[in-house]
C-alpha atoms as a PDB file:
ATOM      1  CA  UNK A   1    -127.363 -66.027 -85.534  1.00  0.00           C
ATOM      2  CA  UNK A   2    -127.684 -63.614 -88.395  1.00  0.00           C
ATOM      3  CA  UNK A   3    -128.896 -60.049 -88.415  1.00  0.00           C
ATOM      4  CA  UNK A   4    -130.959 -58.944 -91.397  1.00  0.00           C
ATOM      5  CA  UNK A   5    -132.178 -55.625 -92.732  1.00  0.00           C
ATOM      6  CA  UNK A   6    -134.825 -55.230 -95.413  1.00  0.00           C
ATOM      7  CA  UNK A   7    -135.617 -51.837 -96.915  1.00  0.00           C
ATOM      8  CA  UNK A   8    -138.382 -51.166 -99.378  1.00  0.00           C
ATOM      9  CA  UNK A   9    -140.760 -48.532-100.696  1.00  0.00           C
ATOM     10  CA  UNK A  10    -144.473 -49.160-100.505  1.00  0.00           C
ATOM     11  CA  UNK A  11    -147.685 -47.389-101.321  1.00  0.00           C
ATOM     12  CA  UNK A  12    -148.733 -44.824 -98.741  1.00  0.00           C
ATOM     13  CA  UNK A  13    -151.935 -46.178 -97.227  1.00  0.00           C
ATOM     14  CA  UNK A  14    -153.005 -42.779 -95.853  1.00  0.00           C
ATOM     15  CA  UNK A  15    -153.379 -41.206 -99.315  1.00  0.00           C
ATOM     16  CA  UNK A  16    -153.597 -44.377-101.449  1.00  0.00           C
ATOM     17  CA  UNK A  17    -150.366 -43.380-103.268  1.00  0.00           C
ATOM     18  CA  UNK A  18    -151.802 -40.068-104.516  1.00  0.00           C
ATOM     19  CA  UNK A  19    -149.662 -37.812-102.324  1.00  0.00           C
ATOM     20  CA  UNK A  20    -152.833 -35.924-101.456  1.00  0.00           C
ATOM     21  CA  UNK A  21    -155.119 -36.257 -98.484  1.00  0.00           C
ATOM     22  CA  UNK A  22    -158.773 -35.283 -98.433  1.00  0.00           C
ATOM     23  CA  UNK A  23    -160.320 -35.251 -94.992  1.00  0.00           C
ATOM     24  CA  UNK A  24    -163.345 -33.683 -93.329  1.00  0.00           C
ATOM     25  CA  UNK A  25    -162.023 -30.144 -93.792  1.00  0.00           C
ATOM     26  CA  UNK A  26    -161.124 -30.457 -97.481  1.00  0.00           C
ATOM     27  CA  UNK A  27    -164.178 -29.949 -99.708  1.00  0.00           C
ATOM     28  CA  UNK A  28    -165.124 -28.849-103.188  1.00  0.00           C
ATOM     29  CA  UNK A  29    -162.000 -30.169-104.907  1.00  0.00           C
ATOM     30  CA  UNK A  30    -159.484 -29.086-102.258  1.00  0.00           C
ATOM     31  CA  UNK A  31    -156.767 -31.438-100.956  1.00  0.00           C
ATOM     32  CA  UNK A  32    -153.785 -31.154 -98.632  1.00  0.00           C
ATOM     33  CA  UNK A  33    -150.327 -32.643 -99.098  1.00  0.00           C
ATOM     34  CA  UNK A  34    -150.220 -35.987 -97.275  1.00  0.00           C
ATOM     35  CA  UNK A  35    -148.198 -35.686 -94.068  1.00  0.00           C
ATOM     36  CA  UNK A  36    -147.323 -39.396 -94.022  1.00  0.00           C
ATOM     37  CA  UNK A  37    -145.498 -39.456 -97.357  1.00  0.00           C
ATOM     38  CA  UNK A  38    -144.845 -35.715 -97.775  1.00  0.00           C
ATOM     39  CA  UNK A  39    -146.686 -35.825-101.108  1.00  0.00           C
ATOM     40  CA  UNK A  40    -144.592 -38.584-102.702  1.00  0.00           C
ATOM     41  CA  UNK A  41    -147.280 -41.276-102.579  1.00  0.00           C
ATOM     42  CA  UNK A  42    -144.751 -43.743-101.194  1.00  0.00           C
ATOM     43  CA  UNK A  43    -143.406 -44.622 -97.766  1.00  0.00           C
ATOM     44  CA  UNK A  44    -139.950 -46.038 -97.114  1.00  0.00           C
ATOM     45  CA  UNK A  45    -139.941 -48.912 -94.635  1.00  0.00           C
ATOM     46  CA  UNK A  46    -137.051 -50.660 -92.884  1.00  0.00           C
ATOM     47  CA  UNK A  47    -137.356 -53.968 -91.080  1.00  0.00           C
ATOM     48  CA  UNK A  48    -134.477 -55.269 -89.003  1.00  0.00           C
ATOM     49  CA  UNK A  49    -134.502 -58.668 -87.359  1.00  0.00           C
ATOM     50  CA  UNK A  50    -132.305 -61.423 -85.976  1.00  0.00           C
ATOM     51  CA  UNK A  51    -132.715 -65.103 -86.808  1.00  0.00           C
ATOM     52  CA  UNK A  52    -134.644 -66.993 -84.150  1.00  0.00           C
ATOM     53  CA  UNK A  53    -132.419 -69.625 -82.563  1.00  0.00           C
ATOM     54  CA  UNK A  54    -134.735 -70.617 -79.723  1.00  0.00           C
ATOM     55  CA  UNK A  55    -136.065 -68.867 -76.658  1.00  0.00           C
ATOM     56  CA  UNK A  56    -133.264 -67.132 -74.781  1.00  0.00           C
ATOM     57  CA  UNK A  57    -132.807 -67.174 -70.992  1.00  0.00           C
ATOM     58  CA  UNK A  58    -133.927 -64.148 -68.991  1.00  0.00           C
ATOM     59  CA  UNK A  59    -131.758 -63.248 -66.006  1.00  0.00           C
ATOM     60  CA  UNK A  60    -133.235 -62.148 -62.681  1.00  0.00           C
ATOM     61  CA  UNK A  61    -136.643 -63.800 -63.084  1.00  0.00           C
ATOM     62  CA  UNK A  62    -137.908 -66.254 -60.447  1.00  0.00           C
ATOM     63  CA  UNK A  63    -141.662 -66.286 -61.058  1.00  0.00           C
ATOM     64  CA  UNK A  64    -143.766 -66.212 -64.226  1.00  0.00           C
ATOM     65  CA  UNK A  65    -147.442 -65.278 -64.121  1.00  0.00           C
ATOM     66  CA  UNK A  66    -149.762 -66.291 -66.944  1.00  0.00           C
ATOM     67  CA  UNK A  67    -151.052 -62.760 -67.489  1.00  0.00           C
ATOM     68  CA  UNK A  68    -151.518 -59.562 -65.547  1.00  0.00           C
ATOM     69  CA  UNK A  69    -154.973 -57.998 -65.259  1.00  0.00           C
ATOM     70  CA  UNK A  70    -153.475 -54.645 -64.266  1.00  0.00           C
ATOM     71  CA  UNK A  71    -152.081 -55.275 -60.791  1.00  0.00           C
ATOM     72  CA  UNK A  72    -148.617 -54.139 -59.714  1.00  0.00           C
ATOM     73  CA  UNK A  73    -146.658 -57.252 -58.749  1.00  0.00           C
ATOM     74  CA  UNK A  74    -143.481 -57.662 -56.734  1.00  0.00           C
ATOM     75  CA  UNK A  75    -142.229 -58.153 -53.208  1.00  0.00           C
ATOM     76  CA  UNK A  76    -143.188 -61.058 -50.992  1.00  0.00           C
ATOM     77  CA  UNK A  77    -146.939 -61.182 -51.675  1.00  0.00           C
ATOM     78  CA  UNK A  78    -148.482 -64.226 -53.347  1.00  0.00           C
ATOM     79  CA  UNK A  79    -149.325 -63.229 -56.893  1.00  0.00           C
ATOM     80  CA  UNK A  80    -149.556 -66.845 -58.055  1.00  0.00           C
ATOM     81  CA  UNK A  81    -147.696 -68.034 -61.117  1.00  0.00           C
ATOM     82  CA  UNK A  82    -145.078 -70.743 -61.337  1.00  0.00           C
ATOM     83  CA  UNK A  83    -141.325 -70.848 -61.066  1.00  0.00           C
ATOM     84  CA  UNK A  84    -139.286 -69.610 -63.995  1.00  0.00           C
ATOM     85  CA  UNK A  85    -137.643 -73.032 -64.261  1.00  0.00           C
ATOM     86  CA  UNK A  86    -141.030 -74.767 -64.458  1.00  0.00           C
ATOM     87  CA  UNK A  87    -142.247 -72.347 -67.112  1.00  0.00           C
ATOM     88  CA  UNK A  88    -138.987 -72.689 -69.060  1.00  0.00           C
ATOM     89  CA  UNK A  89    -139.512 -76.458 -69.070  1.00  0.00           C
ATOM     90  CA  UNK A  90    -142.864 -75.967 -70.788  1.00  0.00           C
ATOM     91  CA  UNK A  91    -145.159 -76.839 -67.894  1.00  0.00           C
ATOM     92  CA  UNK A  92    -148.701 -75.451 -68.129  1.00  0.00           C
ATOM     93  CA  UNK A  93    -149.943 -73.104 -65.420  1.00  0.00           C
ATOM     94  CA  UNK A  94    -151.604 -75.277 -62.794  1.00  0.00           C
ATOM     95  CA  UNK A  95    -154.910 -74.564 -61.106  1.00  0.00           C
ATOM     96  CA  UNK A  96    -154.181 -72.239 -58.188  1.00  0.00           C
ATOM     97  CA  UNK A  97    -151.513 -70.271 -60.077  1.00  0.00           C
ATOM     98  CA  UNK A  98    -153.952 -67.413 -60.708  1.00  0.00           C
ATOM     99  CA  UNK A  99    -153.771 -64.179 -58.644  1.00  0.00           C
ATOM    100  CA  UNK A 100    -156.417 -65.549 -56.306  1.00  0.00           C
ATOM    101  CA  UNK A 101    -155.639 -63.226 -53.400  1.00  0.00           C
ATOM    102  CA  UNK A 102    -156.262 -60.186 -55.606  1.00  0.00           C
ATOM    103  CA  UNK A 103    -158.759 -61.235 -58.289  1.00  0.00           C
ATOM    104  CA  UNK A 104    -161.921 -63.265 -58.682  1.00  0.00           C
ATOM    105  CA  UNK A 105    -162.329 -65.871 -61.453  1.00  0.00           C
ATOM    106  CA  UNK A 106    -164.270 -63.446 -63.672  1.00  0.00           C
ATOM    107  CA  UNK A 107    -161.568 -60.756 -63.412  1.00  0.00           C
ATOM    108  CA  UNK A 108    -158.713 -63.209 -63.957  1.00  0.00           C
ATOM    109  CA  UNK A 109    -160.179 -65.109 -66.893  1.00  0.00           C
ATOM    110  CA  UNK A 110    -161.468 -61.978 -68.604  1.00  0.00           C
ATOM    111  CA  UNK A 111    -157.775 -61.256 -69.196  1.00  0.00           C
ATOM    112  CA  UNK A 112    -156.071 -64.659 -69.256  1.00  0.00           C
ATOM    113  CA  UNK A 113    -158.447 -66.967 -71.105  1.00  0.00           C
ATOM    114  CA  UNK A 114    -161.849 -65.548 -71.899  1.00  0.00           C
ATOM    115  CA  UNK A 115    -163.147 -68.983 -72.931  1.00  0.00           C
ATOM    116  CA  UNK A 116    -162.885 -70.057 -69.276  1.00  0.00           C
ATOM    117  CA  UNK A 117    -164.487 -66.879 -67.911  1.00  0.00           C
ATOM    118  CA  UNK A 118    -167.418 -67.883 -65.688  1.00  0.00           C
ATOM    119  CA  UNK A 119    -170.695 -66.365 -66.733  1.00  0.00           C
ATOM    120  CA  UNK A 120    -172.415 -66.316 -63.389  1.00  0.00           C
ATOM    121  CA  UNK A 121    -175.661 -64.369 -63.039  1.00  0.00           C
ATOM    122  CA  UNK A 122    -174.636 -62.930 -59.698  1.00  0.00           C
ATOM    123  CA  UNK A 123    -171.367 -61.445 -61.002  1.00  0.00           C
ATOM    124  CA  UNK A 124    -171.217 -57.691 -61.202  1.00  0.00           C
ATOM    125  CA  UNK A 125    -172.193 -56.426 -64.629  1.00  0.00           C
ATOM    126  CA  UNK A 126    -170.384 -53.169 -65.391  1.00  0.00           C
ATOM    127  CA  UNK A 127    -168.191 -51.306 -62.957  1.00  0.00           C
ATOM    128  CA  UNK A 128    -165.137 -52.634 -61.159  1.00  0.00           C
ATOM    129  CA  UNK A 129    -164.750 -56.280 -60.164  1.00  0.00           C
ATOM    130  CA  UNK A 130    -163.633 -55.148 -56.715  1.00  0.00           C
ATOM    131  CA  UNK A 131    -167.073 -53.512 -56.274  1.00  0.00           C
ATOM    132  CA  UNK A 132    -168.922 -56.802 -56.727  1.00  0.00           C
ATOM    133  CA  UNK A 133    -170.959 -57.840 -53.672  1.00  0.00           C
ATOM    134  CA  UNK A 134    -169.081 -61.168 -53.643  1.00  0.00           C
ATOM    135  CA  UNK A 135    -165.535 -59.826 -54.050  1.00  0.00           C
ATOM    136  CA  UNK A 136    -164.816 -59.867 -50.311  1.00  0.00           C
ATOM    137  CA  UNK A 137    -165.548 -63.627 -50.403  1.00  0.00           C
ATOM    138  CA  UNK A 138    -163.709 -64.310 -53.654  1.00  0.00           C
ATOM    139  CA  UNK A 139    -162.165 -67.457 -52.153  1.00  0.00           C
ATOM    140  CA  UNK A 140    -165.649 -68.999 -52.340  1.00  0.00           C
ATOM    141  CA  UNK A 141    -165.908 -67.924 -55.983  1.00  0.00           C
ATOM    142  CA  UNK A 142    -162.590 -69.656 -56.687  1.00  0.00           C
ATOM    143  CA  UNK A 143    -163.881 -72.849 -54.995  1.00  0.00           C
ATOM    144  CA  UNK A 144    -167.024 -72.755 -57.127  1.00  0.00           C
ATOM    145  CA  UNK A 145    -164.934 -72.126 -60.254  1.00  0.00           C
ATOM    146  CA  UNK A 146    -162.742 -75.171 -59.479  1.00  0.00           C
ATOM    147  CA  UNK A 147    -165.794 -77.400 -58.894  1.00  0.00           C
ATOM    148  CA  UNK A 148    -167.274 -76.326 -62.213  1.00  0.00           C
ATOM    149  CA  UNK A 149    -163.981 -76.855 -64.040  1.00  0.00           C
ATOM    150  CA  UNK A 150    -163.691 -80.386 -62.637  1.00  0.00           C
ATOM    151  CA  UNK A 151    -167.291 -81.070 -63.707  1.00  0.00           C
ATOM    152  CA  UNK A 152    -166.384 -79.916 -67.229  1.00  0.00           C
ATOM    153  CA  UNK A 153    -163.291 -82.107 -67.262  1.00  0.00           C
ATOM    154  CA  UNK A 154    -160.968 -79.073 -67.234  1.00  0.00           C
ATOM    155  CA  UNK A 155    -157.784 -78.935 -65.182  1.00  0.00           C
END
C-alpha cells in the first residue's frame, strides 16, 4: 500500500486569480487584498492519500445501521441494523432493520432512502415527526409501509 502526496498551485477561486476581492463594502473602484491567497492570486494545495487495497476491518463494531436520522444509539436498546459480519459480507439491510422503535417510516426514509419515503396525506407536514398524531402508533405505520412495499414488489 503506497502513500502519495501531490502538491500544486491553483487559481484562487475567491478572487479569480486577481489577488483582490471586491465585496458588498468595496465600491467605486475600491478593492481589498484577498484573504484566501494573501494577494498572490494563487492557492497552494496539498493532497495526501493512500492506495485503496479493499475495505479494512473495523474493531469493536457489532452492529451496523443503514443511516442515523439523528438519534443517539448505544446500549441494549433495539436500534435495528444488522450484524457487522452480515454487513461485511455484503448483505443488504433487510426489512425490519430500520429504527422502528424510535422512528416512523417517513422519518426513517427521509434520511435513508428518500425514494422509498411514503407520501401519506395524514403524515405531519412541517414540525417534528414525533409530534405527528400517529407517532404513538408508529408500529401501525410500519405495517402499512410493509404492505405497500410488498404491493410494489419491493423487499
